[in-house]
Amino acid sequence: MVNEQGIPLTFEIMTQNEGQEKMALAYQRSLAALGISASVRTVDDSQYQQRSQSFDYDIIVKSFPSSLSPGIEQVGRWSSESRDRQGSENFAGVADKDVDTLVNAILRAVSVEDFTAAVRAHDRMLISNFYLVPLYHVGSQWVAHEKHIGRPTIVPLYGYQLPAWFDETVQ
């Protein structure tokens, strides 16, 4: 992977802990097979926070925790107004009027149908523009517990919630 002048594609992946570093190194090996040179640099937490808030990186490893219903957080993550705002979550540097239109459609939706259509269109727009590289997805939650600890028959939408668990030996 080289440009018109024959300069190879290279960039740095900034990580903040050993777990992220392991993922980045695996990604680095995959990129090398494509002729892309990526270096991995692990920094301490304060430097990671400072650099990610000031957009001083090529690529970072981030997760996007979200609610069951996308809303106002989409402005801070994807809108043009948050692109250059220090401390925003617009880590990809998105500034696209079409993305802005879809974020506004999510926020202004009145009916469930309009909301669902806006969220799906927004999702397709983000995927088609390759703002993120998904490295992993864990579709379940793993919880270690002792045999006598029970849990409710119906699990909350947000997964396990320890206050709802109980000791089956106590009557």
C-alpha atoms as a PDB file:
ATOM      1  CA  MET A   1       0.000   0.000   0.000  1.00  0.00           C
ATOM      2  CA  VAL A   2       1.816   3.064  -1.296  1.00  0.00           C
ATOM      3  CA  ASN A   3       0.737   6.470  -2.579  1.00  0.00           C
ATOM      4  CA  GLU A   4       1.597   8.013  -5.956  1.00  0.00           C
ATOM      5  CA  GLN A   5       5.103   8.901  -4.741  1.00  0.00           C
ATOM      6  CA  GLY A   6       5.758   5.334  -3.575  1.00  0.00           C
ATOM      7  CA  ILE A   7       5.525   6.219   0.129  1.00  0.00           C
ATOM      8  CA  PRO A   8       4.066   3.328   2.115  1.00  0.00           C
ATOM      9  CA  LEU A   9       0.950   3.721   4.245  1.00  0.00           C
ATOM     10  CA  THR A  10       2.050   3.922   7.882  1.00  0.00           C
ATOM     11  CA  PHE A  11       0.371   5.062  11.086  1.00  0.00           C
ATOM     12  CA  GLU A  12       0.494   4.668  14.855  1.00  0.00           C
ATOM     13  CA  ILE A  13      -2.119   2.920  16.998  1.00  0.00           C
ATOM     14  CA  MET A  14      -2.225   4.451  20.471  1.00  0.00           C
ATOM     15  CA  THR A  15      -3.331   2.177  23.315  1.00  0.00           C
ATOM     16  CA  GLN A  16      -3.640   2.711  27.055  1.00  0.00           C
ATOM     17  CA  ASN A  17      -3.318  -0.761  28.575  1.00  0.00           C
ATOM     18  CA  GLU A  18      -2.097  -4.289  27.973  1.00  0.00           C
ATOM     19  CA  GLY A  19      -5.468  -5.559  26.756  1.00  0.00           C
ATOM     20  CA  GLN A  20      -5.743  -2.859  24.097  1.00  0.00           C
ATOM     21  CA  GLU A  21      -2.115  -3.417  23.152  1.00  0.00           C
ATOM     22  CA  LYS A  22      -2.767  -7.125  22.500  1.00  0.00           C
ATOM     23  CA  MET A  23      -5.696  -6.279  20.214  1.00  0.00           C
ATOM     24  CA  ALA A  24      -3.634  -3.639  18.414  1.00  0.00           C
ATOM     25  CA  LEU A  25      -0.750  -6.068  17.875  1.00  0.00           C
ATOM     26  CA  ALA A  26      -3.117  -8.630  16.353  1.00  0.00           C
ATOM     27  CA  TYR A  27      -4.543  -5.894  14.097  1.00  0.00           C
ATOM     28  CA  GLN A  28      -0.981  -4.830  13.228  1.00  0.00           C
ATOM     29  CA  ARG A  29      -0.208  -8.370  11.992  1.00  0.00           C
ATOM     30  CA  SER A  30      -3.327  -8.354   9.804  1.00  0.00           C
ATOM     31  CA  LEU A  31      -2.392  -4.972   8.345  1.00  0.00           C
ATOM     32  CA  ALA A  32       1.159  -6.153   7.617  1.00  0.00           C
ATOM     33  CA  ALA A  33      -0.269  -8.887   5.395  1.00  0.00           C
ATOM     34  CA  LEU A  34      -1.826  -6.078   3.326  1.00  0.00           C
ATOM     35  CA  GLY A  35       1.438  -4.146   3.124  1.00  0.00           C
ATOM     36  CA  ILE A  36       0.381  -1.552   5.715  1.00  0.00           C
ATOM     37  CA  SER A  37       2.871  -0.634   8.410  1.00  0.00           C
ATOM     38  CA  ALA A  38       1.313   0.181  11.784  1.00  0.00           C
ATOM     39  CA  SER A  39       3.236   0.831  14.961  1.00  0.00           C
ATOM     40  CA  VAL A  40       1.698   0.326  18.387  1.00  0.00           C
ATOM     41  CA  ARG A  41       2.384   2.717  21.245  1.00  0.00           C
ATOM     42  CA  THR A  42       1.039   2.188  24.740  1.00  0.00           C
ATOM     43  CA  VAL A  43       0.885   5.289  26.906  1.00  0.00           C
ATOM     44  CA  ASP A  44      -0.187   5.869  30.503  1.00  0.00           C
ATOM     45  CA  ASP A  45      -3.785   6.762  31.335  1.00  0.00           C
ATOM     46  CA  SER A  46      -3.246  10.497  31.742  1.00  0.00           C
ATOM     47  CA  GLN A  47      -1.394  10.812  28.437  1.00  0.00           C
ATOM     48  CA  TYR A  48      -4.041   8.689  26.684  1.00  0.00           C
ATOM     49  CA  GLN A  49      -6.822  10.893  28.029  1.00  0.00           C
ATOM     50  CA  GLN A  50      -5.027  14.131  27.181  1.00  0.00           C
ATOM     51  CA  ARG A  51      -4.121  12.999  23.660  1.00  0.00           C
ATOM     52  CA  SER A  52      -7.547  11.532  22.894  1.00  0.00           C
ATOM     53  CA  GLN A  53      -9.296  14.705  24.124  1.00  0.00           C
ATOM     54  CA  SER A  54      -7.065  16.878  21.923  1.00  0.00           C
ATOM     55  CA  PHE A  55      -7.267  14.469  18.939  1.00  0.00           C
ATOM     56  CA  ASP A  56      -3.487  13.917  18.975  1.00  0.00           C
ATOM     57  CA  TYR A  57      -3.385  10.416  17.462  1.00  0.00           C
ATOM     58  CA  ASP A  58      -3.586   8.491  14.206  1.00  0.00           C
ATOM     59  CA  ILE A  59      -5.746   5.636  15.546  1.00  0.00           C
ATOM     60  CA  ILE A  60      -6.974   4.853  19.052  1.00  0.00           C
ATOM     61  CA  VAL A  61      -8.757   1.886  20.583  1.00  0.00           C
ATOM     62  CA  LYS A  62     -12.116   2.965  22.040  1.00  0.00           C
ATOM     63  CA  SER A  63     -15.396   1.408  23.011  1.00  0.00           C
ATOM     64  CA  PHE A  64     -18.742   3.102  22.563  1.00  0.00           C
ATOM     65  CA  PRO A  65     -21.039   2.147  25.392  1.00  0.00           C
ATOM     66  CA  SER A  66     -24.582   3.072  24.497  1.00  0.00           C
ATOM     67  CA  SER A  67     -28.127   2.972  25.677  1.00  0.00           C
ATOM     68  CA  LEU A  68     -30.936   0.949  24.173  1.00  0.00           C
ATOM     69  CA  SER A  69     -32.233   4.124  22.540  1.00  0.00           C
ATOM     70  CA  PRO A  70     -29.779   6.362  20.637  1.00  0.00           C
ATOM     71  CA  GLY A  71     -30.224  10.036  21.405  1.00  0.00           C
ATOM     72  CA  ILE A  72     -28.359  13.238  22.193  1.00  0.00           C
ATOM     73  CA  GLU A  73     -25.001  11.427  22.646  1.00  0.00           C
ATOM     74  CA  GLN A  74     -24.942  11.045  18.847  1.00  0.00           C
ATOM     75  CA  VAL A  75     -24.301  14.787  18.548  1.00  0.00           C
ATOM     76  CA  GLY A  76     -21.082  14.535  20.567  1.00  0.00           C
ATOM     77  CA  ARG A  77     -19.899  11.432  18.719  1.00  0.00           C
ATOM     78  CA  TRP A  78     -20.729  12.144  15.097  1.00  0.00           C
ATOM     79  CA  SER A  79     -21.851  15.719  14.405  1.00  0.00           C
ATOM     80  CA  SER A  80     -19.881  18.394  12.583  1.00  0.00           C
ATOM     81  CA  GLU A  81     -20.262  20.753  15.553  1.00  0.00           C
ATOM     82  CA  SER A  82     -18.290  18.359  17.792  1.00  0.00           C
ATOM     83  CA  ARG A  83     -15.511  17.595  15.316  1.00  0.00           C
ATOM     84  CA  ASP A  84     -13.033  20.185  16.540  1.00  0.00           C
ATOM     85  CA  ARG A  85     -14.391  20.618  20.075  1.00  0.00           C
ATOM     86  CA  GLN A  86     -11.682  19.514  22.524  1.00  0.00           C
ATOM     87  CA  GLY A  87     -12.935  16.716  24.773  1.00  0.00           C
ATOM     88  CA  SER A  88     -15.776  15.627  22.496  1.00  0.00           C
ATOM     89  CA  GLU A  89     -16.262  11.967  21.622  1.00  0.00           C
ATOM     90  CA  ASN A  90     -16.000  12.641  17.872  1.00  0.00           C
ATOM     91  CA  PHE A  91     -12.805  10.564  17.785  1.00  0.00           C
ATOM     92  CA  ALA A  92     -13.152   9.806  14.067  1.00  0.00           C
ATOM     93  CA  GLY A  93     -13.292  13.515  13.165  1.00  0.00           C
ATOM     94  CA  VAL A  94     -16.655  13.224  11.428  1.00  0.00           C
ATOM     95  CA  ALA A  95     -17.919  16.412   9.768  1.00  0.00           C
ATOM     96  CA  ASP A  96     -20.558  15.366   7.244  1.00  0.00           C
ATOM     97  CA  LYS A  97     -23.788  17.266   6.581  1.00  0.00           C
ATOM     98  CA  ASP A  98     -25.599  14.013   5.793  1.00  0.00           C
ATOM     99  CA  VAL A  99     -24.602  12.533   9.159  1.00  0.00           C
ATOM    100  CA  ASP A 100     -25.771  15.776  10.812  1.00  0.00           C
ATOM    101  CA  THR A 101     -29.122  15.470   9.041  1.00  0.00           C
ATOM    102  CA  LEU A 102     -29.575  11.900  10.281  1.00  0.00           C
ATOM    103  CA  VAL A 103     -28.582  12.785  13.853  1.00  0.00           C
ATOM    104  CA  ASN A 104     -31.181  15.568  13.772  1.00  0.00           C
ATOM    105  CA  ALA A 105     -33.758  13.118  12.384  1.00  0.00           C
ATOM    106  CA  ILE A 106     -33.120  10.837  15.377  1.00  0.00           C
ATOM    107  CA  LEU A 107     -33.545  13.725  17.826  1.00  0.00           C
ATOM    108  CA  ARG A 108     -36.671  15.115  16.152  1.00  0.00           C
ATOM    109  CA  ALA A 109     -38.481  11.817  15.507  1.00  0.00           C
ATOM    110  CA  VAL A 110     -42.004  11.775  16.927  1.00  0.00           C
ATOM    111  CA  SER A 111     -43.221   8.301  15.982  1.00  0.00           C
ATOM    112  CA  VAL A 112     -41.567   4.965  16.644  1.00  0.00           C
ATOM    113  CA  GLU A 113     -41.472   4.328  12.895  1.00  0.00           C
ATOM    114  CA  ASP A 114     -39.681   7.618  12.160  1.00  0.00           C
ATOM    115  CA  PHE A 115     -37.218   7.009  14.998  1.00  0.00           C
ATOM    116  CA  THR A 116     -36.454   3.463  13.831  1.00  0.00           C
ATOM    117  CA  ALA A 117     -35.973   4.616  10.234  1.00  0.00           C
ATOM    118  CA  ALA A 118     -33.673   7.467  11.316  1.00  0.00           C
ATOM    119  CA  VAL A 119     -31.551   5.220  13.560  1.00  0.00           C
ATOM    120  CA  ARG A 120     -31.186   2.597  10.823  1.00  0.00           C
ATOM    121  CA  ALA A 121     -30.246   5.198   8.215  1.00  0.00           C
ATOM    122  CA  HIS A 122     -27.741   6.737  10.637  1.00  0.00           C
ATOM    123  CA  ASP A 123     -26.215   3.307  11.288  1.00  0.00           C
ATOM    124  CA  ARG A 124     -25.906   2.581   7.546  1.00  0.00           C
ATOM    125  CA  MET A 125     -24.290   5.990   6.978  1.00  0.00           C
ATOM    126  CA  LEU A 126     -21.689   5.409   9.686  1.00  0.00           C
ATOM    127  CA  ILE A 127     -20.920   1.898   8.428  1.00  0.00           C
ATOM    128  CA  SER A 128     -20.678   2.929   4.773  1.00  0.00           C
ATOM    129  CA  ASN A 129     -18.249   5.760   5.542  1.00  0.00           C
ATOM    130  CA  PHE A 130     -15.834   3.492   7.450  1.00  0.00           C
ATOM    131  CA  TYR A 131     -15.388   5.782  10.446  1.00  0.00           C
ATOM    132  CA  LEU A 132     -14.586   2.831  12.706  1.00  0.00           C
ATOM    133  CA  VAL A 133     -12.794  -0.483  12.443  1.00  0.00           C
ATOM    134  CA  PRO A 134     -14.673  -2.972  14.615  1.00  0.00           C
ATOM    135  CA  LEU A 135     -12.073  -5.141  16.320  1.00  0.00           C
ATOM    136  CA  TYR A 136     -14.365  -7.246  18.492  1.00  0.00           C
ATOM    137  CA  HIS A 137     -17.876  -7.675  19.851  1.00  0.00           C
ATOM    138  CA  VAL A 138     -18.905  -9.606  22.920  1.00  0.00           C
ATOM    139  CA  GLY A 139     -22.585 -10.488  22.598  1.00  0.00           C
ATOM    140  CA  SER A 140     -22.908 -11.885  26.102  1.00  0.00           C
ATOM    141  CA  GLN A 141     -21.885 -11.147  29.652  1.00  0.00           C
ATOM    142  CA  TRP A 142     -19.838 -13.608  31.683  1.00  0.00           C
ATOM    143  CA  VAL A 143     -20.325 -13.650  35.418  1.00  0.00           C
ATOM    144  CA  ALA A 144     -18.617 -16.033  37.813  1.00  0.00           C
ATOM    145  CA  HIS A 145     -20.635 -16.881  40.908  1.00  0.00           C
ATOM    146  CA  GLU A 146     -21.067 -19.553  43.523  1.00  0.00           C
ATOM    147  CA  LYS A 147     -23.654 -22.296  43.035  1.00  0.00           C
ATOM    148  CA  HIS A 148     -25.954 -21.047  45.823  1.00  0.00           C
ATOM    149  CA  ILE A 149     -26.305 -17.595  44.231  1.00  0.00           C
ATOM    150  CA  GLY A 150     -29.522 -17.358  42.208  1.00  0.00           C
ATOM    151  CA  ARG A 151     -30.698 -14.844  39.704  1.00  0.00           C
ATOM    152  CA  PRO A 152     -34.133 -13.685  38.561  1.00  0.00           C
ATOM    153  CA  THR A 153     -35.941 -15.687  35.903  1.00  0.00           C
ATOM    154  CA  ILE A 154     -36.356 -12.554  33.808  1.00  0.00           C
ATOM    155  CA  VAL A 155     -33.060 -10.737  33.265  1.00  0.00           C
ATOM    156  CA  PRO A 156     -33.119  -6.906  32.917  1.00  0.00           C
ATOM    157  CA  LEU A 157     -32.582  -5.472  29.429  1.00  0.00           C
ATOM    158  CA  TYR A 158     -29.161  -4.182  30.458  1.00  0.00           C
ATOM    159  CA  GLY A 159     -27.955  -7.681  31.404  1.00  0.00           C
ATOM    160  CA  TYR A 160     -26.998  -8.810  34.859  1.00  0.00           C
ATOM    161  CA  GLN A 161     -27.641  -6.448  37.722  1.00  0.00           C
ATOM    162  CA  LEU A 162     -26.150  -7.727  40.957  1.00  0.00           C
ATOM    163  CA  PRO A 163     -28.767  -6.150  43.262  1.00  0.00           C
ATOM    164  CA  ALA A 164     -31.348  -8.466  41.645  1.00  0.00           C
ATOM    165  CA  TRP A 165     -29.332 -11.611  42.475  1.00  0.00           C
ATOM    166  CA  PHE A 166     -29.971 -13.467  45.724  1.00  0.00           C
ATOM    167  CA  ASP A 167     -28.623 -16.152  48.049  1.00  0.00           C
ATOM    168  CA  GLU A 168     -30.826 -19.223  47.563  1.00  0.00           C
ATOM    169  CA  THR A 169     -29.842 -20.628  50.976  1.00  0.00           C
ATOM    170  CA  VAL A 170     -31.364 -17.683  52.853  1.00  0.00           C
ATOM    171  CA  GLN A 171     -35.109 -18.032  53.415  1.00  0.00           C
END
